[in-house]
N, C-alpha and C. Protein backbone atom coordinates (compact mmCIF):
# COMPACT_ATOMS: atom_id res chain seq x y z
N MET A 1 -3.47 -45.56 -12.98
CA MET A 1 -2.11 -45.96 -13.28
C MET A 1 -1.58 -45.13 -14.45
N LYS A 2 -0.36 -44.61 -14.31
CA LYS A 2 0.24 -43.80 -15.36
C LYS A 2 0.73 -44.70 -16.49
N ARG A 3 0.66 -44.18 -17.69
CA ARG A 3 1.15 -44.92 -18.85
C ARG A 3 2.11 -44.02 -19.61
N ALA A 4 3.25 -44.56 -20.01
CA ALA A 4 4.23 -43.78 -20.75
C ALA A 4 3.65 -43.35 -22.09
N VAL A 5 3.80 -42.07 -22.41
CA VAL A 5 3.31 -41.56 -23.67
C VAL A 5 4.43 -41.52 -24.68
N LYS A 6 5.62 -41.17 -24.25
CA LYS A 6 6.74 -40.98 -25.16
C LYS A 6 8.02 -41.45 -24.49
N ARG A 7 8.87 -42.12 -25.26
CA ARG A 7 10.15 -42.58 -24.75
C ARG A 7 11.22 -42.21 -25.77
N VAL A 8 12.31 -41.58 -25.26
CA VAL A 8 13.48 -41.27 -26.08
C VAL A 8 14.68 -41.82 -25.33
N GLY A 9 15.25 -42.90 -25.84
CA GLY A 9 16.34 -43.57 -25.13
C GLY A 9 15.84 -44.04 -23.79
N ARG A 10 16.53 -43.63 -22.73
CA ARG A 10 16.11 -44.00 -21.37
C ARG A 10 15.12 -43.02 -20.76
N ILE A 11 14.90 -41.91 -21.43
CA ILE A 11 14.00 -40.88 -20.90
C ILE A 11 12.57 -41.20 -21.31
N GLN A 12 11.70 -41.16 -20.33
CA GLN A 12 10.30 -41.52 -20.57
C GLN A 12 9.39 -40.45 -20.02
N TYR A 13 8.42 -40.02 -20.81
CA TYR A 13 7.43 -39.04 -20.35
C TYR A 13 6.29 -39.77 -19.67
N GLU A 14 5.87 -39.27 -18.50
CA GLU A 14 4.73 -39.82 -17.76
C GLU A 14 3.66 -38.75 -17.63
N PRO A 15 2.48 -38.98 -18.11
CA PRO A 15 1.41 -37.99 -17.93
C PRO A 15 1.00 -37.94 -16.46
N GLU A 16 0.86 -36.74 -15.93
CA GLU A 16 0.49 -36.58 -14.53
C GLU A 16 -0.79 -35.79 -14.35
N GLY A 17 -1.53 -35.62 -15.43
CA GLY A 17 -2.83 -34.97 -15.33
C GLY A 17 -2.83 -33.55 -15.84
N SER A 18 -4.01 -33.05 -16.04
CA SER A 18 -4.23 -31.67 -16.45
C SER A 18 -5.24 -31.07 -15.49
N ASP A 19 -5.10 -29.78 -15.24
CA ASP A 19 -5.93 -29.12 -14.23
C ASP A 19 -6.40 -27.76 -14.72
N ARG A 20 -7.44 -27.26 -14.06
CA ARG A 20 -7.87 -25.87 -14.21
C ARG A 20 -7.40 -25.16 -12.95
N ARG A 21 -7.00 -23.88 -13.08
CA ARG A 21 -6.36 -23.20 -11.95
C ARG A 21 -6.78 -21.74 -11.86
N ALA A 22 -6.96 -21.29 -10.61
CA ALA A 22 -7.20 -19.87 -10.32
C ALA A 22 -6.18 -19.46 -9.26
N THR A 23 -5.59 -18.28 -9.42
CA THR A 23 -4.56 -17.80 -8.51
C THR A 23 -4.85 -16.35 -8.15
N GLY A 24 -4.60 -15.99 -6.88
CA GLY A 24 -4.80 -14.61 -6.46
C GLY A 24 -4.02 -14.30 -5.20
N SER A 25 -4.02 -13.02 -4.81
CA SER A 25 -3.28 -12.62 -3.60
C SER A 25 -3.90 -11.35 -3.01
N VAL A 26 -3.58 -11.10 -1.74
CA VAL A 26 -3.93 -9.85 -1.07
C VAL A 26 -2.68 -9.32 -0.38
N SER A 27 -2.48 -8.00 -0.47
CA SER A 27 -1.32 -7.37 0.15
C SER A 27 -1.66 -6.90 1.56
N LEU A 28 -0.65 -6.88 2.41
CA LEU A 28 -0.80 -6.42 3.79
C LEU A 28 -0.04 -5.12 3.98
N ARG A 29 -0.46 -4.31 4.92
CA ARG A 29 0.24 -3.05 5.21
C ARG A 29 1.68 -3.28 5.64
N SER A 30 1.96 -4.44 6.22
CA SER A 30 3.31 -4.75 6.70
C SER A 30 4.30 -4.97 5.57
N GLY A 31 3.80 -5.09 4.34
CA GLY A 31 4.66 -5.38 3.21
C GLY A 31 4.60 -6.85 2.81
N GLY A 32 3.98 -7.67 3.64
CA GLY A 32 3.80 -9.08 3.30
C GLY A 32 2.53 -9.25 2.48
N TRP A 33 2.23 -10.49 2.14
CA TRP A 33 1.00 -10.77 1.42
C TRP A 33 0.61 -12.22 1.56
N TRP A 34 -0.67 -12.49 1.30
CA TRP A 34 -1.23 -13.84 1.26
C TRP A 34 -1.49 -14.17 -0.20
N SER A 35 -1.21 -15.40 -0.59
CA SER A 35 -1.56 -15.85 -1.93
C SER A 35 -2.29 -17.18 -1.84
N ALA A 36 -3.08 -17.46 -2.87
CA ALA A 36 -3.83 -18.71 -2.91
C ALA A 36 -3.87 -19.24 -4.33
N ASP A 37 -3.81 -20.56 -4.43
CA ASP A 37 -3.99 -21.27 -5.70
C ASP A 37 -5.11 -22.28 -5.48
N LEU A 38 -6.07 -22.28 -6.37
CA LEU A 38 -7.15 -23.26 -6.32
C LEU A 38 -7.05 -24.06 -7.62
N ILE A 39 -6.81 -25.35 -7.48
CA ILE A 39 -6.59 -26.22 -8.63
C ILE A 39 -7.67 -27.29 -8.65
N VAL A 40 -8.36 -27.40 -9.79
CA VAL A 40 -9.41 -28.40 -9.97
C VAL A 40 -8.91 -29.41 -10.99
N SER A 41 -8.93 -30.67 -10.61
CA SER A 41 -8.50 -31.75 -11.49
C SER A 41 -9.50 -31.93 -12.63
N ILE A 42 -9.02 -32.07 -13.83
CA ILE A 42 -9.89 -32.32 -14.98
C ILE A 42 -10.30 -33.79 -15.00
N ARG A 43 -9.37 -34.67 -14.72
CA ARG A 43 -9.66 -36.12 -14.76
C ARG A 43 -10.52 -36.57 -13.59
N ARG A 44 -10.21 -36.06 -12.40
CA ARG A 44 -10.94 -36.48 -11.19
C ARG A 44 -11.87 -35.34 -10.80
N GLU A 45 -12.96 -35.19 -11.55
CA GLU A 45 -13.92 -34.10 -11.32
C GLU A 45 -14.34 -34.05 -9.86
N GLY A 46 -14.37 -32.88 -9.29
CA GLY A 46 -14.77 -32.72 -7.91
C GLY A 46 -13.61 -32.70 -6.94
N GLU A 47 -12.41 -33.01 -7.39
CA GLU A 47 -11.23 -32.98 -6.52
C GLU A 47 -10.57 -31.60 -6.65
N ILE A 48 -10.46 -30.91 -5.51
CA ILE A 48 -9.93 -29.55 -5.49
C ILE A 48 -8.75 -29.48 -4.53
N LEU A 49 -7.67 -28.83 -4.95
CA LEU A 49 -6.53 -28.57 -4.08
C LEU A 49 -6.46 -27.06 -3.88
N LEU A 50 -6.54 -26.63 -2.62
CA LEU A 50 -6.42 -25.21 -2.27
C LEU A 50 -5.13 -25.04 -1.49
N THR A 51 -4.23 -24.21 -2.01
CA THR A 51 -2.97 -23.90 -1.34
C THR A 51 -2.99 -22.44 -0.93
N ILE A 52 -2.75 -22.18 0.36
CA ILE A 52 -2.71 -20.82 0.88
C ILE A 52 -1.32 -20.60 1.47
N HIS A 53 -0.71 -19.47 1.11
CA HIS A 53 0.66 -19.20 1.57
C HIS A 53 0.77 -17.75 2.05
N ARG A 54 1.41 -17.57 3.21
CA ARG A 54 1.70 -16.22 3.69
C ARG A 54 3.15 -15.91 3.40
N HIS A 55 3.37 -14.82 2.71
CA HIS A 55 4.70 -14.35 2.36
C HIS A 55 5.07 -13.23 3.31
N GLY A 56 6.31 -13.22 3.80
CA GLY A 56 6.73 -12.21 4.76
C GLY A 56 6.94 -10.85 4.13
N ALA A 57 7.08 -9.87 4.98
CA ALA A 57 7.37 -8.52 4.53
C ALA A 57 8.79 -8.49 3.94
N PRO A 58 9.06 -7.54 3.05
CA PRO A 58 10.41 -7.45 2.48
C PRO A 58 11.48 -7.38 3.56
N GLY A 59 12.56 -8.14 3.40
CA GLY A 59 13.66 -8.15 4.35
C GLY A 59 13.52 -9.17 5.46
N GLN A 60 12.37 -9.79 5.59
CA GLN A 60 12.18 -10.80 6.62
C GLN A 60 12.72 -12.14 6.12
N GLU A 61 13.47 -12.82 6.99
CA GLU A 61 13.97 -14.14 6.61
C GLU A 61 12.85 -15.15 6.49
N ASP A 62 11.97 -15.17 7.48
CA ASP A 62 10.87 -16.13 7.50
C ASP A 62 9.74 -15.59 6.64
N ASP A 63 9.44 -16.28 5.56
CA ASP A 63 8.41 -15.76 4.67
C ASP A 63 7.03 -16.34 4.97
N GLY A 64 6.82 -16.83 6.17
CA GLY A 64 5.49 -17.24 6.55
C GLY A 64 5.25 -18.72 6.53
N ALA A 65 4.01 -19.08 6.27
CA ALA A 65 3.60 -20.48 6.35
C ALA A 65 2.72 -20.82 5.17
N SER A 66 2.53 -22.12 4.96
CA SER A 66 1.69 -22.62 3.87
C SER A 66 0.78 -23.72 4.37
N VAL A 67 -0.34 -23.85 3.70
CA VAL A 67 -1.25 -24.95 4.00
C VAL A 67 -1.83 -25.45 2.68
N ASP A 68 -1.92 -26.76 2.53
CA ASP A 68 -2.56 -27.39 1.38
C ASP A 68 -3.80 -28.12 1.88
N LEU A 69 -4.93 -27.85 1.26
CA LEU A 69 -6.18 -28.51 1.62
C LEU A 69 -6.74 -29.24 0.41
N CYS A 70 -7.06 -30.51 0.56
CA CYS A 70 -7.74 -31.28 -0.47
C CYS A 70 -9.23 -31.26 -0.13
N LEU A 71 -10.02 -30.69 -1.02
CA LEU A 71 -11.42 -30.44 -0.73
C LEU A 71 -12.34 -30.95 -1.83
N GLY A 72 -13.59 -31.13 -1.47
CA GLY A 72 -14.65 -31.35 -2.43
C GLY A 72 -15.39 -30.03 -2.61
N HIS A 73 -16.29 -29.96 -3.57
CA HIS A 73 -17.02 -28.71 -3.83
C HIS A 73 -17.81 -28.26 -2.60
N ASN A 74 -18.45 -29.18 -1.87
CA ASN A 74 -19.21 -28.81 -0.67
C ASN A 74 -18.30 -28.28 0.42
N ASP A 75 -17.10 -28.87 0.55
CA ASP A 75 -16.13 -28.39 1.53
C ASP A 75 -15.71 -26.96 1.20
N LEU A 76 -15.52 -26.70 -0.07
CA LEU A 76 -15.06 -25.38 -0.51
C LEU A 76 -16.07 -24.30 -0.13
N GLU A 77 -17.35 -24.59 -0.26
CA GLU A 77 -18.38 -23.63 0.10
C GLU A 77 -18.43 -23.40 1.61
N ALA A 78 -18.11 -24.42 2.40
CA ALA A 78 -18.19 -24.33 3.86
C ALA A 78 -16.99 -23.60 4.46
N LEU A 79 -15.85 -23.60 3.80
CA LEU A 79 -14.63 -23.04 4.37
C LEU A 79 -14.73 -21.55 4.71
N PRO A 80 -15.21 -20.66 3.83
CA PRO A 80 -15.33 -19.25 4.22
C PRO A 80 -16.30 -19.03 5.38
N VAL A 81 -17.36 -19.83 5.43
CA VAL A 81 -18.32 -19.71 6.53
C VAL A 81 -17.63 -20.08 7.84
N LEU A 82 -16.87 -21.17 7.84
CA LEU A 82 -16.14 -21.60 9.03
C LEU A 82 -15.16 -20.52 9.49
N LEU A 83 -14.35 -20.00 8.57
CA LEU A 83 -13.34 -19.00 8.95
C LEU A 83 -13.98 -17.71 9.48
N SER A 84 -14.99 -17.18 8.77
CA SER A 84 -15.61 -15.95 9.26
C SER A 84 -16.34 -16.19 10.58
N GLY A 85 -16.90 -17.37 10.75
CA GLY A 85 -17.59 -17.70 12.00
C GLY A 85 -16.65 -17.78 13.19
N VAL A 86 -15.53 -18.47 13.04
CA VAL A 86 -14.61 -18.63 14.16
C VAL A 86 -13.93 -17.29 14.51
N ILE A 87 -13.68 -16.45 13.50
CA ILE A 87 -13.09 -15.13 13.77
C ILE A 87 -14.10 -14.24 14.50
N ALA A 88 -15.36 -14.25 14.05
CA ALA A 88 -16.41 -13.47 14.73
C ALA A 88 -16.58 -13.94 16.17
N GLN A 89 -16.58 -15.24 16.38
CA GLN A 89 -16.72 -15.79 17.74
C GLN A 89 -15.55 -15.36 18.61
N ALA A 90 -14.33 -15.43 18.07
CA ALA A 90 -13.14 -15.05 18.84
C ALA A 90 -13.19 -13.57 19.23
N ARG A 91 -13.68 -12.73 18.35
CA ARG A 91 -13.81 -11.30 18.68
C ARG A 91 -14.90 -11.08 19.73
N ARG A 92 -16.02 -11.75 19.54
CA ARG A 92 -17.14 -11.63 20.48
C ARG A 92 -16.75 -12.11 21.87
N ASP A 93 -15.97 -13.19 21.95
CA ASP A 93 -15.57 -13.76 23.24
C ASP A 93 -14.32 -13.12 23.82
N GLY A 94 -13.76 -12.10 23.14
CA GLY A 94 -12.58 -11.41 23.65
C GLY A 94 -11.27 -12.13 23.40
N VAL A 95 -11.30 -13.17 22.59
CA VAL A 95 -10.06 -13.89 22.26
C VAL A 95 -9.19 -13.03 21.34
N LEU A 96 -9.83 -12.32 20.40
CA LEU A 96 -9.14 -11.40 19.49
C LEU A 96 -9.68 -9.99 19.68
N THR A 97 -8.83 -9.00 19.46
CA THR A 97 -9.29 -7.62 19.44
C THR A 97 -9.81 -7.33 18.04
N ARG A 98 -10.34 -6.17 17.82
CA ARG A 98 -10.87 -5.78 16.52
C ARG A 98 -9.81 -5.83 15.42
N ARG A 99 -8.58 -5.59 15.72
CA ARG A 99 -7.53 -5.56 14.72
C ARG A 99 -6.96 -6.94 14.42
N GLY A 100 -7.52 -7.96 15.04
CA GLY A 100 -7.08 -9.32 14.77
C GLY A 100 -5.98 -9.84 15.68
N ARG A 101 -5.55 -9.00 16.60
CA ARG A 101 -4.47 -9.41 17.52
C ARG A 101 -5.06 -10.17 18.70
N ALA A 102 -4.24 -11.02 19.28
CA ALA A 102 -4.68 -11.75 20.47
C ALA A 102 -4.93 -10.75 21.60
N ALA A 103 -6.01 -10.94 22.30
CA ALA A 103 -6.34 -10.09 23.44
C ALA A 103 -5.36 -10.35 24.57
N PRO A 104 -5.06 -9.32 25.38
CA PRO A 104 -4.15 -9.54 26.51
C PRO A 104 -4.74 -10.53 27.50
N LYS A 105 -3.85 -11.31 28.15
CA LYS A 105 -4.32 -12.27 29.15
C LYS A 105 -4.86 -11.54 30.35
N ARG A 106 -5.91 -12.09 30.94
CA ARG A 106 -6.53 -11.44 32.10
C ARG A 106 -5.99 -12.00 33.38
């Protein structure tokens, strides 16, 4: 439960927590990029928020998509294994070509 720390007239400050944060990105040849924020709650140890966002290439109206994942430390370790595994399987099974594009329908 939040508790007011400071009140000035009708304005009241509510503490909403403190976090540790790591941020990074990768650029794409298309001019777009992927960015990620990983936020670890200081108060609720073990609670992790991972936000991944795809930004469009310059001049594109649609700047991509976002996903927020609430994870535990064990989940965080499993996520890269899951992603690399499903991509490798899709390539092996002909679902994706080597360049990551969907394979043509047969």
